[in-house]
Amino acid sequence: MAAAASTVRRPSLVGVGTVVWLSSEIMFFAGLFAAYFTLRAKDADWPPADVELATGRTALATAVLVASSFTMHLAVRAAEADQRPRLVRWLVVTMALGAVFLTNQAFEYAELSFSISSHAYGSMFYLLTGFHGLHVLGGLGFMGAVIAIVAGRSSRAPAGSTVAVCSYYWHFVDVVWVAMFATVYLLR
């Protein structure tokens, strides 16, 4: 009796590692949110009178960042079909949208009338938005590295799994921002 050949599909170790790492990032941001809500509960003047945020413009930047999740999805689809030129185009569009988001953040920081040391609200505002901005910047670097790895004509790097792992991170960054925007800009 011949043994039947069986194929076992195992998840990508890089994918599993990324999910575990993103779980630690969830805990990091959960700690920041917990600090924000704890300070908010203790302070009757939250946010202080001197705080004026560019909520409308930041809402537009939020829409741009959310749109970047859709372009990232298109990059993943192109990677799965091994259409590397199309994959690179969608990653570049995603990077451009992320850069627009960061540009808005830089403009907002330049216009604010308070600093990280002005009051507890200022500390939490800059910690939350600043760490998120660093994560967006890291995502842009990640996408740039992915482009460098998979874009060469002679590259044999697995585009599908590489871009999928990058997309996990980017979607995480987007979801965290939506929660942060609702918390900082809308639940005042």
Protein backbone atom coordinates (compact mmCIF):
# COMPACT_ATOMS: atom_id res chain seq x y z
CA MET A 1 0.00 0.00 0.00
CA ALA A 2 1.53 3.30 -1.08
CA ALA A 3 1.63 6.15 1.36
CA ALA A 4 -0.42 9.12 0.31
CA ALA A 5 1.62 12.26 -0.11
CA SER A 6 0.38 14.95 2.19
CA THR A 7 1.16 18.59 2.03
CA VAL A 8 1.08 20.54 5.22
CA ARG A 9 0.51 24.27 4.85
CA ARG A 10 2.26 26.14 7.59
CA PRO A 11 1.97 29.83 8.22
CA SER A 12 4.93 31.99 7.30
CA LEU A 13 7.31 32.36 10.23
CA VAL A 14 7.83 35.99 9.27
CA GLY A 15 4.07 36.51 9.22
CA VAL A 16 3.65 34.90 12.63
CA GLY A 17 6.56 36.94 13.99
CA THR A 18 5.00 40.12 12.63
CA VAL A 19 1.66 39.35 14.26
CA VAL A 20 3.39 38.68 17.60
CA TRP A 21 5.37 41.92 17.27
CA LEU A 22 2.21 43.87 16.37
CA SER A 23 0.60 42.42 19.50
CA SER A 24 3.33 44.07 21.55
CA GLU A 25 2.69 47.32 19.67
CA ILE A 26 -1.00 47.06 20.57
CA MET A 27 0.02 46.83 24.22
CA PHE A 28 2.29 49.86 23.84
CA PHE A 29 -0.48 52.02 22.38
CA ALA A 30 -2.99 50.61 24.89
CA GLY A 31 -0.72 51.93 27.64
CA LEU A 32 -0.65 55.37 26.02
CA PHE A 33 -4.44 55.39 25.69
CA ALA A 34 -4.79 54.27 29.32
CA ALA A 35 -2.55 57.14 30.44
CA TYR A 36 -4.57 59.59 28.33
CA PHE A 37 -7.90 58.48 29.80
CA THR A 38 -6.50 58.36 33.35
CA LEU A 39 -5.23 61.92 33.10
CA ARG A 40 -8.46 63.01 31.44
CA ALA A 41 -10.49 61.54 34.31
CA LYS A 42 -8.38 63.43 36.88
CA ASP A 43 -8.39 66.83 35.12
CA ALA A 44 -11.62 68.85 35.03
CA ASP A 45 -10.17 71.18 32.37
CA TRP A 46 -9.58 68.68 29.56
CA PRO A 47 -8.44 69.86 27.12
CA PRO A 48 -7.19 73.15 28.55
CA ALA A 49 -8.54 76.42 27.19
CA ASP A 50 -5.40 77.13 25.15
CA VAL A 51 -5.82 73.99 23.04
CA GLU A 52 -7.16 74.48 19.53
CA LEU A 53 -6.63 71.58 17.18
CA ALA A 54 -7.03 71.62 13.40
CA THR A 55 -9.76 68.99 13.54
CA GLY A 56 -11.13 69.58 10.03
CA ARG A 57 -7.76 69.42 8.31
CA THR A 58 -6.74 66.42 10.40
CA ALA A 59 -10.00 64.69 9.45
CA LEU A 60 -8.97 65.10 5.80
CA ALA A 61 -5.51 63.74 6.62
CA THR A 62 -7.22 60.83 8.37
CA ALA A 63 -9.23 60.11 5.22
CA VAL A 64 -5.97 60.15 3.25
CA LEU A 65 -4.40 57.67 5.67
CA VAL A 66 -7.46 55.40 5.50
CA ALA A 67 -7.30 55.58 1.68
CA SER A 68 -3.72 54.36 1.93
CA SER A 69 -5.01 51.09 3.38
CA PHE A 70 -6.92 50.54 0.16
CA THR A 71 -3.88 51.27 -2.01
CA MET A 72 -1.84 48.93 0.20
CA HIS A 73 -4.47 46.24 -0.42
CA LEU A 74 -4.06 46.79 -4.16
CA ALA A 75 -0.30 46.37 -3.72
CA VAL A 76 -0.89 43.05 -1.96
CA ARG A 77 -3.18 41.91 -4.77
CA ALA A 78 -0.53 42.84 -7.34
CA ALA A 79 2.11 40.97 -5.33
CA GLU A 80 -0.07 37.86 -5.17
CA ALA A 81 -0.40 37.99 -8.96
CA ASP A 82 3.39 38.55 -9.22
CA GLN A 83 2.82 41.80 -11.09
CA ARG A 84 5.86 43.60 -9.70
CA PRO A 85 5.60 46.87 -11.66
CA ARG A 86 1.98 47.27 -10.55
CA LEU A 87 2.97 46.33 -6.99
CA VAL A 88 5.65 49.02 -6.94
CA ARG A 89 3.23 51.64 -8.30
CA TRP A 90 0.68 50.91 -5.54
CA LEU A 91 3.36 50.96 -2.86
CA VAL A 92 4.59 54.34 -4.14
CA VAL A 93 1.02 55.69 -4.04
CA THR A 94 0.64 54.33 -0.49
CA MET A 95 3.90 55.98 0.51
CA ALA A 96 2.77 59.30 -0.99
CA LEU A 97 -0.49 59.15 0.98
CA GLY A 98 1.45 58.38 4.17
CA ALA A 99 3.75 61.33 3.45
CA VAL A 100 0.71 63.63 3.06
CA PHE A 101 -0.50 62.47 6.46
CA LEU A 102 2.90 63.19 8.07
CA THR A 103 3.06 66.59 6.38
CA ASN A 104 -0.25 67.52 7.98
CA GLN A 105 1.11 66.42 11.35
CA ALA A 106 4.20 68.59 10.90
CA PHE A 107 2.04 71.61 9.98
CA GLU A 108 -0.16 71.02 13.00
CA TYR A 109 2.82 70.78 15.36
CA ALA A 110 4.17 74.06 13.94
CA GLU A 111 0.84 75.84 14.53
CA LEU A 112 0.01 74.59 18.04
CA SER A 113 0.08 77.10 20.88
CA PHE A 114 1.10 74.49 23.47
CA SER A 115 4.04 72.13 23.86
CA ILE A 116 4.73 68.76 25.41
CA SER A 117 5.65 70.50 28.69
CA SER A 118 2.71 72.95 28.84
CA HIS A 119 0.34 70.62 30.71
CA ALA A 120 -0.73 66.98 31.00
CA TYR A 121 -2.89 67.31 27.89
CA GLY A 122 0.08 68.59 25.90
CA SER A 123 2.22 65.72 27.12
CA MET A 124 -0.34 63.12 26.12
CA PHE A 125 -1.15 64.81 22.80
CA TYR A 126 2.48 64.86 21.70
CA LEU A 127 3.20 61.36 23.05
CA LEU A 128 0.20 59.80 21.30
CA THR A 129 0.48 61.60 17.99
CA GLY A 130 4.28 61.66 18.00
CA PHE A 131 4.70 57.94 18.53
CA HIS A 132 2.07 57.28 15.91
CA GLY A 133 3.88 59.60 13.50
CA LEU A 134 7.11 57.67 14.12
CA HIS A 135 5.25 54.47 13.29
CA VAL A 136 3.99 56.00 10.03
CA LEU A 137 7.55 57.08 9.20
CA GLY A 138 8.74 53.54 9.97
CA GLY A 139 6.05 52.18 7.67
CA LEU A 140 7.25 54.43 4.86
CA GLY A 141 10.78 53.12 5.38
CA PHE A 142 9.45 49.55 5.45
CA MET A 143 7.67 50.09 2.13
CA GLY A 144 10.82 51.63 0.64
CA ALA A 145 12.78 48.55 1.71
CA VAL A 146 10.13 46.25 0.24
CA ILE A 147 10.33 48.13 -3.07
CA ALA A 148 14.12 47.77 -3.06
CA ILE A 149 13.84 44.05 -2.35
CA VAL A 150 11.16 43.07 -4.89
CA ALA A 151 11.53 45.66 -7.66
CA GLY A 152 14.68 44.46 -9.36
CA ARG A 153 14.18 42.55 -12.58
CA SER A 154 16.39 39.74 -11.33
CA SER A 155 14.85 39.68 -7.85
CA ARG A 156 13.52 36.32 -6.79
CA ALA A 157 12.32 37.54 -3.40
CA PRO A 158 8.81 36.25 -2.63
CA ALA A 159 6.76 39.38 -3.33
CA GLY A 160 3.47 38.03 -1.96
CA SER A 161 4.57 37.24 1.57
CA THR A 162 6.92 40.23 1.78
CA VAL A 163 4.22 42.72 0.85
CA ALA A 164 1.63 40.93 3.00
CA VAL A 165 3.79 41.37 6.11
CA CYS A 166 4.28 45.05 5.23
CA SER A 167 0.52 45.41 4.83
CA TYR A 168 -0.12 43.95 8.30
CA TYR A 169 1.98 46.73 9.76
CA TRP A 170 0.43 49.46 7.62
CA HIS A 171 -3.14 48.42 8.40
CA PHE A 172 -2.23 48.35 12.09
CA VAL A 173 -0.90 51.92 11.85
CA ASP A 174 -4.13 53.01 10.16
CA VAL A 175 -6.42 51.37 12.72
CA VAL A 176 -4.45 52.87 15.61
CA TRP A 177 -4.78 56.33 14.05
CA VAL A 178 -8.55 56.01 13.61
CA ALA A 179 -8.86 55.21 17.34
CA MET A 180 -6.45 58.04 18.18
CA PHE A 181 -8.27 60.57 16.00
CA ALA A 182 -11.58 59.67 17.63
CA THR A 183 -10.04 59.93 21.09
CA VAL A 184 -7.98 63.10 20.74
CA TYR A 185 -9.94 65.11 18.16
CA LEU A 186 -13.56 64.04 18.55
CA LEU A 187 -14.04 63.00 22.23
CA ARG A 188 -12.95 66.34 23.61
